[in-house]
Protein backbone atom coordinates (compact mmCIF):
# COMPACT_ATOMS: atom_id res chain seq x y z
CA MET A 1 153.81 -53.74 -99.45
CA LEU A 2 155.52 -50.27 -99.94
CA PHE A 3 157.06 -49.85 -103.29
CA MET A 4 159.29 -46.82 -103.64
CA ASN A 5 162.62 -45.57 -105.33
CA PHE A 6 165.08 -46.54 -102.58
CA ASN A 7 168.07 -43.93 -103.60
CA SER A 8 165.24 -41.03 -104.12
CA GLU A 9 165.24 -38.18 -101.93
CA GLY A 10 163.25 -38.59 -99.03
CA ALA A 11 163.35 -42.56 -99.09
CA ASP A 12 165.09 -42.56 -95.36
CA SER A 13 162.00 -40.56 -94.16
CA PHE A 14 159.57 -43.12 -95.79
CA LYS A 15 161.11 -46.00 -94.70
CA SER A 16 161.11 -44.61 -91.15
CA LYS A 17 157.06 -43.31 -91.27
CA TYR A 18 156.43 -46.82 -92.72
CA ARG A 19 158.28 -48.63 -89.85
CA GLU A 20 156.35 -46.58 -87.20
CA VAL A 21 152.97 -47.72 -88.84
CA ALA A 22 154.53 -51.34 -89.18
CA ASP A 23 155.32 -51.18 -85.31
CA GLN A 24 151.34 -49.95 -84.30
CA TYR A 25 149.88 -52.37 -86.57
CA LYS A 26 151.89 -55.28 -84.91
CA GLY A 27 149.99 -58.39 -83.82
CA GLN A 28 147.13 -57.23 -86.23
CA GLY A 29 147.15 -59.90 -88.88
CA ILE A 30 149.28 -57.61 -91.74
CA SER A 31 152.54 -58.15 -92.81
CA PHE A 32 154.27 -55.19 -94.13
CA LEU A 33 156.94 -55.46 -96.85
CA MET A 34 159.16 -52.67 -98.58
CA GLY A 35 160.57 -53.06 -102.31
CA ASP A 36 162.70 -51.21 -104.46
CA LEU A 37 161.40 -50.03 -107.82
CA ASP A 38 164.51 -51.43 -110.01
CA ALA A 39 163.94 -55.20 -108.07
CA SER A 40 159.91 -54.89 -108.40
CA GLN A 41 159.48 -55.16 -111.84
CA GLY A 42 157.54 -58.40 -111.61
CA ALA A 43 155.58 -57.21 -108.85
CA PHE A 44 154.19 -54.03 -110.81
CA GLN A 45 153.14 -56.53 -113.87
CA TYR A 46 151.42 -59.06 -111.43
CA PHE A 47 149.51 -56.04 -109.74
CA GLY A 48 148.87 -54.04 -112.85
CA LEU A 49 151.19 -51.19 -111.65
CA LYS A 50 152.91 -48.13 -113.25
CA GLU A 51 156.32 -46.63 -112.52
CA SER A 52 154.38 -43.01 -112.38
CA GLN A 53 152.23 -44.33 -109.26
CA VAL A 54 155.56 -44.59 -106.93
CA PRO A 55 155.93 -44.12 -104.09
CA LEU A 56 152.85 -46.50 -103.45
CA ILE A 57 151.11 -48.59 -100.83
CA ILE A 58 149.51 -51.80 -102.11
CA ILE A 59 147.68 -54.20 -99.75
CA GLN A 60 146.67 -57.51 -100.99
CA THR A 61 144.08 -59.50 -98.41
CA THR A 62 143.52 -63.31 -97.86
CA ASP A 63 140.79 -63.55 -100.21
CA GLY A 64 142.51 -61.45 -103.05
CA GLN A 65 141.44 -58.07 -103.17
CA LYS A 66 143.81 -55.18 -103.03
CA TYR A 67 143.92 -51.78 -101.72
CA LEU A 68 146.04 -49.13 -103.75
CA LYS A 69 146.92 -45.68 -102.43
CA PRO A 70 149.43 -44.33 -105.05
CA ASN A 71 151.73 -41.12 -104.90
CA LEU A 72 152.15 -41.62 -101.33
CA GLU A 73 153.80 -38.84 -99.14
CA ALA A 74 155.33 -40.09 -96.03
CA ASP A 75 152.90 -38.15 -93.79
CA GLN A 76 149.91 -39.85 -95.68
CA ILE A 77 150.92 -43.78 -94.79
CA ALA A 78 149.36 -44.02 -91.09
CA PRO A 79 145.86 -42.10 -91.77
CA TRP A 80 145.45 -43.88 -95.06
CA MET A 81 146.25 -47.29 -93.21
CA LYS A 82 143.64 -45.99 -90.61
CA GLU A 83 140.90 -45.45 -93.06
CA TYR A 84 142.01 -49.15 -94.64
CA LYS A 85 141.44 -50.61 -91.12
CA GLU A 86 138.23 -48.84 -90.61
CA GLY A 87 136.86 -49.96 -94.08
CA LYS A 88 136.79 -46.70 -95.89
CA ILE A 89 138.87 -47.32 -98.74
CA GLN A 90 137.51 -49.05 -102.02
CA PRO A 91 139.21 -52.08 -103.51
CA PHE A 92 141.47 -51.65 -106.40
CA LYS A 93 140.89 -53.50 -109.70
CA LYS A 94 143.69 -54.14 -112.00
CA SER A 95 141.97 -53.09 -115.87
CA GLU A 96 143.16 -52.32 -119.01
CA PRO A 97 141.35 -49.49 -120.27
CA ILE A 98 137.80 -49.59 -121.70
CA PRO A 99 138.54 -50.00 -125.64
CA GLU A 100 137.03 -46.88 -127.13
CA GLU A 101 135.94 -49.02 -130.36
CA ASN A 102 135.02 -52.36 -129.77
CA ASN A 103 133.97 -53.40 -133.19
CA GLU A 104 135.74 -56.67 -133.92
CA PRO A 105 133.23 -59.99 -133.99
CA VAL A 106 134.42 -61.07 -130.68
CA LYS A 107 134.21 -57.99 -128.04
CA VAL A 108 137.07 -57.37 -125.60
CA VAL A 109 135.81 -57.21 -122.15
CA VAL A 110 138.47 -55.70 -119.36
CA ALA A 111 137.96 -55.64 -115.57
CA GLU A 112 136.22 -52.01 -115.53
CA SER A 113 133.61 -52.95 -118.25
CA PHE A 114 132.88 -56.81 -116.86
CA GLN A 115 129.59 -55.69 -115.35
CA ASP A 116 128.33 -54.01 -117.96
CA MET A 117 129.34 -56.45 -120.87
CA VAL A 118 128.77 -59.82 -118.74
CA PHE A 119 126.87 -59.31 -115.38
CA LYS A 120 124.24 -56.55 -116.60
CA SER A 121 123.85 -56.69 -120.11
CA GLY A 122 120.82 -59.29 -120.16
CA LYS A 123 122.86 -61.21 -122.93
CA ASN A 124 123.89 -64.54 -123.26
CA VAL A 125 127.88 -64.32 -123.37
CA LEU A 126 130.47 -67.02 -124.28
CA LEU A 127 133.49 -65.64 -122.47
CA GLU A 128 137.18 -67.06 -122.84
CA PHE A 129 139.77 -65.93 -120.06
CA TYR A 130 143.13 -66.08 -121.92
CA ALA A 131 146.97 -64.87 -121.78
CA PRO A 132 148.46 -63.52 -124.86
CA TRP A 133 151.46 -66.32 -124.57
CA CYS A 134 149.05 -69.32 -124.80
CA GLY A 135 149.68 -71.18 -127.71
CA HIS A 136 146.11 -72.82 -127.35
CA CYS A 137 144.73 -69.73 -126.87
CA LYS A 138 146.18 -68.25 -130.21
CA LYS A 139 144.64 -71.69 -131.84
CA LEU A 140 141.37 -70.89 -130.64
CA ALA A 141 141.04 -67.19 -131.73
CA PRO A 142 140.25 -67.63 -135.23
CA ILE A 143 137.65 -70.36 -134.06
CA LEU A 144 136.17 -67.66 -131.92
CA ASP A 145 136.23 -65.20 -134.65
CA GLU A 146 134.04 -67.89 -136.60
CA VAL A 147 131.58 -68.49 -133.83
CA ALA A 148 131.04 -64.61 -133.74
CA VAL A 149 130.63 -64.02 -137.14
CA SER A 150 127.82 -66.55 -136.89
CA TYR A 151 126.43 -64.60 -134.41
CA GLN A 152 126.63 -61.33 -135.76
CA ASN A 153 122.98 -60.92 -136.30
CA ASP A 154 121.79 -62.39 -132.96
CA ALA A 155 121.46 -59.48 -130.76
CA ASP A 156 121.11 -61.97 -127.73
CA VAL A 157 124.38 -63.62 -127.92
CA VAL A 158 128.33 -61.92 -127.52
CA ILE A 159 131.06 -63.87 -127.63
CA ALA A 160 133.64 -61.98 -125.72
CA LYS A 161 137.43 -62.41 -124.56
CA PHE A 162 139.04 -61.62 -121.55
CA ASP A 163 143.13 -61.32 -121.15
CA ALA A 164 143.47 -62.65 -117.85
CA THR A 165 147.40 -61.37 -117.41
CA ALA A 166 146.25 -57.94 -117.63
CA ASN A 167 142.70 -57.66 -115.64
CA ASP A 168 141.68 -59.03 -112.30
CA ILE A 169 139.48 -61.77 -112.77
CA PRO A 170 136.03 -62.22 -110.82
CA GLY A 171 137.35 -64.99 -108.86
CA ASP A 172 134.14 -65.48 -106.76
CA THR A 173 131.77 -66.46 -109.83
CA PHE A 174 134.89 -68.04 -112.19
CA ASP A 175 137.33 -70.23 -111.30
CA VAL A 176 140.29 -69.89 -114.00
CA GLN A 177 143.11 -72.30 -113.52
CA GLY A 178 144.67 -72.39 -116.81
CA PHE A 179 144.30 -70.92 -120.48
CA PRO A 180 142.08 -70.89 -122.46
CA SER A 181 139.39 -71.00 -119.83
CA VAL A 182 136.26 -70.60 -121.50
CA TYR A 183 132.78 -70.06 -119.72
CA PHE A 184 129.14 -69.19 -120.75
CA ARG A 185 126.67 -67.20 -118.70
CA SER A 186 122.96 -67.41 -120.10
CA ALA A 187 120.68 -64.13 -120.17
CA SER A 188 119.18 -65.08 -116.79
CA GLY A 189 122.28 -65.41 -115.25
CA LYS A 190 123.29 -69.44 -115.36
CA ILE A 191 127.04 -70.03 -115.60
CA VAL A 192 128.76 -73.11 -117.59
CA ALA A 193 132.06 -73.78 -118.28
CA TYR A 194 133.01 -75.47 -121.94
CA GLU A 195 134.86 -78.47 -121.80
CA GLY A 196 133.94 -79.79 -125.33
CA ASP A 197 135.99 -80.10 -128.29
CA ARG A 198 137.25 -76.58 -129.37
CA THR A 199 135.65 -76.54 -132.99
CA LYS A 200 133.32 -73.70 -134.29
CA GLU A 201 130.26 -76.36 -134.90
CA ASP A 202 130.54 -78.07 -130.89
CA ILE A 203 130.82 -74.24 -129.56
CA ILE A 204 127.65 -73.13 -131.49
CA LYS A 205 125.68 -76.88 -130.25
CA PHE A 206 126.97 -75.42 -126.66
CA ILE A 207 125.62 -71.84 -127.05
CA GLU A 208 122.62 -73.23 -128.18
CA LYS A 209 121.72 -75.77 -125.54
CA ASN A 210 122.75 -73.33 -122.68
CA ARG A 211 121.14 -69.79 -124.15
CA ASP A 212 118.11 -68.46 -123.08
CA LYS A 213 115.62 -67.35 -125.48
CA SER A 214 115.08 -64.10 -126.62
CA VAL A 215 112.03 -62.13 -125.60
CA GLN A 216 111.08 -62.28 -129.23
CA ASP A 217 111.37 -65.71 -129.23
CA VAL A 218 109.04 -66.35 -126.09
CA GLU A 219 106.45 -64.13 -127.60
CA GLU A 220 106.30 -66.23 -130.86
CA SER A 221 106.32 -69.36 -129.30
CA VAL A 222 103.50 -67.87 -126.75
CA LYS A 223 101.20 -66.67 -130.32
CA ASP A 224 102.15 -70.36 -131.76
CA GLU A 225 100.63 -72.22 -128.80
CA SER A 226 97.55 -69.90 -128.85
CA SER A 227 97.37 -70.42 -132.62
CA ALA A 228 97.00 -74.41 -131.76
CA LYS A 229 95.00 -73.86 -129.32
CA ASP A 230 92.50 -71.73 -131.17
CA GLU A 231 92.79 -74.39 -133.97
CA LEU A 232 91.86 -77.12 -131.76
């Protein structure tokens, strides 16, 4: 998809170069589309694009991967497409900026921080996928705040939220069909969807049932077992 201002200087040259590339890749499973900036605001919001990036090309594959070339020049279309076909382009990830401060009880996760805060944290993470306009999400928010406060002194548990409208979801791991969707990932990597009642008590029970013990808890458990054997 090529997005540009059709009324801008050099627009005809862009369109011509783009059509040449489209002809070059005809029959190779790629559909070439063009969109005028003024008529494409919905698409920009969906892809997480900015008007300052125009002219731009974005490719979305059948498995949901996206590839982006912003601030494009007409002569760059063909070589960039060649690099894409050769697998030399890294996927584009829609993400909000990583917060400079993340001090609230419920931590903010964005696409760019997902790996570090969820997959590589070594912690038990309860993660809500939400949409800002979702009424059920707004009702759940203060309950998650209470749950997070309950775990403020537990370094092994993180309560977090992820705006699924402003960030790309790792679709190969989490199946988010509606909002809110709540998942729990244990420190060892076990992922469980939360489908219980949306109360503080039920969420905490769920966390305690599925969490992994901390290293300290394991060591204390081993010591207790050793003491019991010594007494015997």
